[in-house]
Amino acid sequence: MYSKIKKYLIYRKVYKKREDLKSITTGEHCVKFLKRYNSLSEMLDYINILFIIEPPSDIELQKLSLLQQKYNTNDIYTYATQTIWLASVYYICNSLPVRRQHSWP
């Protein structure tokens, strides 16, 4: 019984983070989201897991892309939006099926 409750609480925590990632609309939201992580590697892995649990929609990817294009200065908002956009690209590149190349005879 305890393990089911524990699993549910972990799932709820992860789902809330996924909802927070979906609701990003400004650079400030990106900064708040990134402040939860201790390292870039941890953040990249966690965003990848969040996208595996619920893949991003085309509209969500468009929103992140436009947000990344909007901030083009050397400040924390540019870093945050660029990092989240690159984490999305990392997920897309890793989720595509890898086609095996035929060797040349």
N, C-alpha and C. Protein backbone atom coordinates (compact mmCIF):
# COMPACT_ATOMS: atom_id res chain seq x y z
N MET A 1 0.82 -1.20 0.00
CA MET A 1 0.00 0.00 0.00
C MET A 1 0.86 1.26 0.00
N TYR A 2 1.89 1.25 0.85
CA TYR A 2 2.76 2.42 0.96
C TYR A 2 3.49 2.68 -0.36
N SER A 3 3.92 1.62 -1.03
CA SER A 3 4.66 1.81 -2.28
C SER A 3 3.77 2.41 -3.38
N LYS A 4 2.49 2.08 -3.38
CA LYS A 4 1.57 2.65 -4.37
C LYS A 4 1.38 4.14 -4.13
N ILE A 5 1.27 4.51 -2.87
CA ILE A 5 1.13 5.93 -2.54
C ILE A 5 2.40 6.68 -2.91
N LYS A 6 3.53 6.09 -2.61
CA LYS A 6 4.81 6.72 -2.93
C LYS A 6 4.97 6.89 -4.44
N LYS A 7 4.61 5.87 -5.21
CA LYS A 7 4.68 5.96 -6.67
C LYS A 7 3.74 7.04 -7.20
N TYR A 8 2.55 7.11 -6.62
CA TYR A 8 1.59 8.13 -7.05
C TYR A 8 2.12 9.53 -6.76
N LEU A 9 2.72 9.73 -5.60
CA LEU A 9 3.26 11.05 -5.26
C LEU A 9 4.41 11.44 -6.17
N ILE A 10 5.25 10.47 -6.52
CA ILE A 10 6.34 10.75 -7.46
C ILE A 10 5.77 11.10 -8.83
N TYR A 11 4.77 10.32 -9.28
CA TYR A 11 4.16 10.60 -10.58
C TYR A 11 3.52 11.98 -10.59
N ARG A 12 2.85 12.34 -9.51
CA ARG A 12 2.19 13.64 -9.43
C ARG A 12 3.22 14.77 -9.49
N LYS A 13 4.35 14.59 -8.83
CA LYS A 13 5.41 15.58 -8.85
C LYS A 13 5.98 15.73 -10.26
N VAL A 14 6.21 14.61 -10.93
CA VAL A 14 6.73 14.64 -12.30
C VAL A 14 5.71 15.26 -13.24
N TYR A 15 4.45 14.90 -13.09
CA TYR A 15 3.40 15.45 -13.95
C TYR A 15 3.27 16.96 -13.75
N LYS A 16 3.45 17.45 -12.53
CA LYS A 16 3.40 18.89 -12.28
C LYS A 16 4.54 19.60 -13.00
N LYS A 17 5.72 18.99 -13.00
CA LYS A 17 6.84 19.58 -13.72
C LYS A 17 6.57 19.60 -15.22
N ARG A 18 5.91 18.57 -15.72
CA ARG A 18 5.57 18.54 -17.15
C ARG A 18 4.56 19.64 -17.47
N GLU A 19 3.61 19.85 -16.59
CA GLU A 19 2.63 20.92 -16.77
C GLU A 19 3.31 22.28 -16.71
N ASP A 20 4.29 22.43 -15.83
CA ASP A 20 5.05 23.68 -15.76
C ASP A 20 5.82 23.92 -17.05
N LEU A 21 6.39 22.86 -17.60
CA LEU A 21 7.12 22.98 -18.87
C LEU A 21 6.18 23.37 -20.01
N LYS A 22 4.96 22.84 -19.98
CA LYS A 22 3.97 23.19 -21.01
C LYS A 22 3.55 24.65 -20.92
N SER A 23 3.50 25.17 -19.71
CA SER A 23 2.95 26.51 -19.51
C SER A 23 3.99 27.62 -19.63
N ILE A 24 5.18 27.31 -20.09
CA ILE A 24 6.21 28.34 -20.26
C ILE A 24 5.79 29.29 -21.38
N THR A 25 5.74 30.58 -21.05
CA THR A 25 5.37 31.58 -22.06
C THR A 25 6.34 32.76 -22.12
N THR A 26 7.17 32.92 -21.09
CA THR A 26 8.10 34.05 -21.07
C THR A 26 9.49 33.58 -20.64
N GLY A 27 10.44 34.48 -20.78
CA GLY A 27 11.79 34.17 -20.34
C GLY A 27 11.86 33.98 -18.83
N GLU A 28 11.03 34.71 -18.09
CA GLU A 28 11.01 34.55 -16.63
C GLU A 28 10.55 33.15 -16.23
N HIS A 29 9.57 32.62 -16.96
CA HIS A 29 9.12 31.25 -16.69
C HIS A 29 10.26 30.26 -16.95
N CYS A 30 11.04 30.49 -18.00
CA CYS A 30 12.18 29.61 -18.30
C CYS A 30 13.19 29.64 -17.18
N VAL A 31 13.50 30.83 -16.68
CA VAL A 31 14.48 30.96 -15.60
C VAL A 31 13.98 30.25 -14.34
N LYS A 32 12.71 30.43 -13.99
CA LYS A 32 12.15 29.77 -12.81
C LYS A 32 12.21 28.25 -12.97
N PHE A 33 11.93 27.76 -14.18
CA PHE A 33 11.96 26.33 -14.43
C PHE A 33 13.38 25.77 -14.28
N LEU A 34 14.36 26.49 -14.81
CA LEU A 34 15.74 26.01 -14.77
C LEU A 34 16.36 26.10 -13.38
N LYS A 35 15.87 26.97 -12.53
CA LYS A 35 16.44 27.12 -11.18
C LYS A 35 16.19 25.90 -10.31
N ARG A 36 15.35 25.00 -10.74
CA ARG A 36 15.06 23.79 -9.97
C ARG A 36 16.18 22.76 -10.06
N TYR A 37 17.07 22.91 -11.01
CA TYR A 37 18.08 21.89 -11.26
C TYR A 37 19.46 22.37 -10.85
N ASN A 38 20.29 21.41 -10.44
CA ASN A 38 21.63 21.75 -9.97
C ASN A 38 22.65 21.83 -11.10
N SER A 39 22.43 21.06 -12.16
CA SER A 39 23.39 21.07 -13.25
C SER A 39 22.64 21.00 -14.58
N LEU A 40 23.35 21.36 -15.62
CA LEU A 40 22.76 21.31 -16.96
C LEU A 40 22.47 19.88 -17.38
N SER A 41 23.35 18.97 -17.01
CA SER A 41 23.15 17.57 -17.35
C SER A 41 21.88 17.01 -16.70
N GLU A 42 21.68 17.34 -15.43
CA GLU A 42 20.48 16.90 -14.72
C GLU A 42 19.23 17.46 -15.38
N MET A 43 19.27 18.74 -15.75
CA MET A 43 18.13 19.38 -16.39
C MET A 43 17.83 18.74 -17.74
N LEU A 44 18.88 18.49 -18.53
CA LEU A 44 18.69 17.90 -19.85
C LEU A 44 18.08 16.50 -19.75
N ASP A 45 18.58 15.70 -18.83
CA ASP A 45 18.03 14.36 -18.64
C ASP A 45 16.59 14.41 -18.16
N TYR A 46 16.29 15.33 -17.26
CA TYR A 46 14.94 15.40 -16.70
C TYR A 46 13.94 15.89 -17.75
N ILE A 47 14.33 16.88 -18.55
CA ILE A 47 13.42 17.34 -19.61
C ILE A 47 13.20 16.22 -20.62
N ASN A 48 14.23 15.46 -20.91
CA ASN A 48 14.08 14.33 -21.82
C ASN A 48 13.08 13.32 -21.26
N ILE A 49 13.16 13.04 -19.96
CA ILE A 49 12.21 12.12 -19.32
C ILE A 49 10.80 12.70 -19.36
N LEU A 50 10.67 14.00 -19.10
CA LEU A 50 9.34 14.63 -19.15
C LEU A 50 8.74 14.51 -20.54
N PHE A 51 9.56 14.68 -21.57
CA PHE A 51 9.06 14.57 -22.94
C PHE A 51 8.77 13.13 -23.32
N ILE A 52 9.47 12.17 -22.73
CA ILE A 52 9.16 10.76 -22.99
C ILE A 52 7.81 10.41 -22.37
N ILE A 53 7.55 10.93 -21.16
CA ILE A 53 6.28 10.66 -20.50
C ILE A 53 5.12 11.23 -21.31
N GLU A 54 5.27 12.47 -21.75
CA GLU A 54 4.25 13.10 -22.58
C GLU A 54 4.97 13.92 -23.66
N PRO A 55 5.02 13.41 -24.89
CA PRO A 55 5.75 14.12 -25.96
C PRO A 55 5.17 15.51 -26.22
N PRO A 56 6.03 16.44 -26.59
CA PRO A 56 5.55 17.80 -26.85
C PRO A 56 4.74 17.85 -28.14
N SER A 57 3.72 18.68 -28.14
CA SER A 57 2.91 18.85 -29.34
C SER A 57 3.63 19.82 -30.27
N ASP A 58 3.16 19.89 -31.51
CA ASP A 58 3.75 20.82 -32.47
C ASP A 58 3.58 22.26 -32.00
N ILE A 59 2.45 22.56 -31.40
CA ILE A 59 2.19 23.91 -30.92
C ILE A 59 3.15 24.26 -29.78
N GLU A 60 3.40 23.31 -28.89
CA GLU A 60 4.34 23.55 -27.80
C GLU A 60 5.75 23.79 -28.34
N LEU A 61 6.16 23.01 -29.33
CA LEU A 61 7.48 23.21 -29.92
C LEU A 61 7.57 24.54 -30.65
N GLN A 62 6.49 24.94 -31.33
CA GLN A 62 6.47 26.26 -31.98
C GLN A 62 6.61 27.37 -30.96
N LYS A 63 5.90 27.23 -29.85
CA LYS A 63 5.94 28.24 -28.80
C LYS A 63 7.36 28.37 -28.23
N LEU A 64 8.03 27.23 -27.99
CA LEU A 64 9.39 27.28 -27.48
C LEU A 64 10.36 27.86 -28.51
N SER A 65 10.13 27.54 -29.77
CA SER A 65 10.99 28.07 -30.83
C SER A 65 10.84 29.59 -30.95
N LEU A 66 9.60 30.08 -30.94
CA LEU A 66 9.38 31.52 -31.02
C LEU A 66 9.93 32.24 -29.79
N LEU A 67 9.81 31.61 -28.64
CA LEU A 67 10.36 32.20 -27.42
C LEU A 67 11.88 32.28 -27.50
N GLN A 68 12.49 31.25 -28.05
CA GLN A 68 13.95 31.24 -28.19
C GLN A 68 14.40 32.32 -29.18
N GLN A 69 13.62 32.54 -30.24
CA GLN A 69 13.97 33.56 -31.24
C GLN A 69 13.75 34.98 -30.71
N LYS A 70 12.82 35.12 -29.78
CA LYS A 70 12.48 36.44 -29.25
C LYS A 70 13.62 37.04 -28.44
N TYR A 71 14.28 36.21 -27.63
CA TYR A 71 15.36 36.70 -26.78
C TYR A 71 16.68 36.52 -27.51
N ASN A 72 17.32 37.65 -27.85
CA ASN A 72 18.55 37.59 -28.63
C ASN A 72 19.61 38.53 -28.06
N THR A 73 19.66 38.63 -26.74
CA THR A 73 20.66 39.47 -26.09
C THR A 73 21.50 38.58 -25.18
N ASN A 74 22.49 39.15 -24.55
CA ASN A 74 23.34 38.38 -23.64
C ASN A 74 22.87 38.54 -22.20
N ASP A 75 21.77 37.89 -21.87
CA ASP A 75 21.28 37.94 -20.51
C ASP A 75 20.78 36.56 -20.09
N ILE A 76 20.26 36.47 -18.88
CA ILE A 76 19.83 35.20 -18.32
C ILE A 76 18.61 34.63 -19.06
N TYR A 77 17.77 35.50 -19.58
CA TYR A 77 16.57 35.04 -20.30
C TYR A 77 16.96 34.36 -21.61
N THR A 78 17.95 34.91 -22.29
CA THR A 78 18.44 34.28 -23.52
C THR A 78 19.01 32.91 -23.21
N TYR A 79 19.80 32.82 -22.16
CA TYR A 79 20.39 31.54 -21.77
C TYR A 79 19.30 30.52 -21.43
N ALA A 80 18.31 30.94 -20.67
CA ALA A 80 17.25 30.02 -20.23
C ALA A 80 16.42 29.53 -21.41
N THR A 81 16.00 30.45 -22.28
CA THR A 81 15.17 30.03 -23.42
C THR A 81 15.98 29.17 -24.39
N GLN A 82 17.23 29.52 -24.59
CA GLN A 82 18.09 28.73 -25.49
C GLN A 82 18.31 27.32 -24.93
N THR A 83 18.49 27.22 -23.62
CA THR A 83 18.72 25.92 -23.00
C THR A 83 17.50 25.03 -23.12
N ILE A 84 16.33 25.57 -22.85
CA ILE A 84 15.11 24.76 -22.96
C ILE A 84 14.85 24.37 -24.41
N TRP A 85 15.10 25.27 -25.34
CA TRP A 85 14.91 24.94 -26.75
C TRP A 85 15.88 23.83 -27.17
N LEU A 86 17.14 23.93 -26.75
CA LEU A 86 18.12 22.90 -27.11
C LEU A 86 17.80 21.56 -26.45
N ALA A 87 17.21 21.58 -25.26
CA ALA A 87 16.76 20.34 -24.63
C ALA A 87 15.63 19.70 -25.45
N SER A 88 14.78 20.53 -26.04
CA SER A 88 13.71 20.01 -26.90
C SER A 88 14.30 19.39 -28.17
N VAL A 89 15.28 20.06 -28.74
CA VAL A 89 15.94 19.53 -29.94
C VAL A 89 16.66 18.22 -29.60
N TYR A 90 17.29 18.17 -28.43
CA TYR A 90 17.96 16.95 -27.98
C TYR A 90 16.96 15.79 -27.89
N TYR A 91 15.78 16.05 -27.36
CA TYR A 91 14.75 15.02 -27.28
C TYR A 91 14.34 14.56 -28.67
N ILE A 92 14.12 15.51 -29.57
CA ILE A 92 13.69 15.16 -30.92
C ILE A 92 14.74 14.30 -31.61
N CYS A 93 16.00 14.69 -31.49
CA CYS A 93 17.08 13.94 -32.15
C CYS A 93 17.22 12.54 -31.57
N ASN A 94 17.03 12.39 -30.27
CA ASN A 94 17.17 11.07 -29.65
C ASN A 94 15.94 10.20 -29.82
N SER A 95 14.81 10.78 -30.13
CA SER A 95 13.59 9.98 -30.24
C SER A 95 13.34 9.50 -31.66
N LEU A 96 14.02 10.09 -32.63
CA LEU A 96 13.83 9.63 -34.00
C LEU A 96 14.39 8.23 -34.17
N PRO A 97 13.70 7.39 -34.92
CA PRO A 97 14.22 6.05 -35.12
C PRO A 97 15.50 6.10 -35.96
N VAL A 98 16.45 5.33 -35.55
CA VAL A 98 17.73 5.29 -36.25
C VAL A 98 17.65 4.24 -37.35
N ARG A 99 17.92 4.68 -38.56
CA ARG A 99 17.91 3.74 -39.69
C ARG A 99 19.32 3.21 -39.87
N ARG A 100 19.39 1.93 -40.01
CA ARG A 100 20.70 1.31 -40.19
C ARG A 100 21.14 1.49 -41.64
N GLN A 101 22.34 1.95 -41.82
CA GLN A 101 22.88 2.14 -43.17
C GLN A 101 23.40 0.82 -43.69
N HIS A 102 23.13 0.57 -44.95
CA HIS A 102 23.67 -0.62 -45.57
C HIS A 102 25.12 -0.34 -45.93
N SER A 103 25.96 -1.31 -45.65
CA SER A 103 27.38 -1.11 -45.97
C SER A 103 27.59 -1.25 -47.48
N TRP A 104 28.59 -0.58 -47.92
CA TRP A 104 28.89 -0.61 -49.34
C TRP A 104 29.52 -1.95 -49.67
N PRO A 105 29.07 -2.60 -50.73
CA PRO A 105 29.61 -3.96 -51.03
C PRO A 105 31.04 -3.97 -51.44
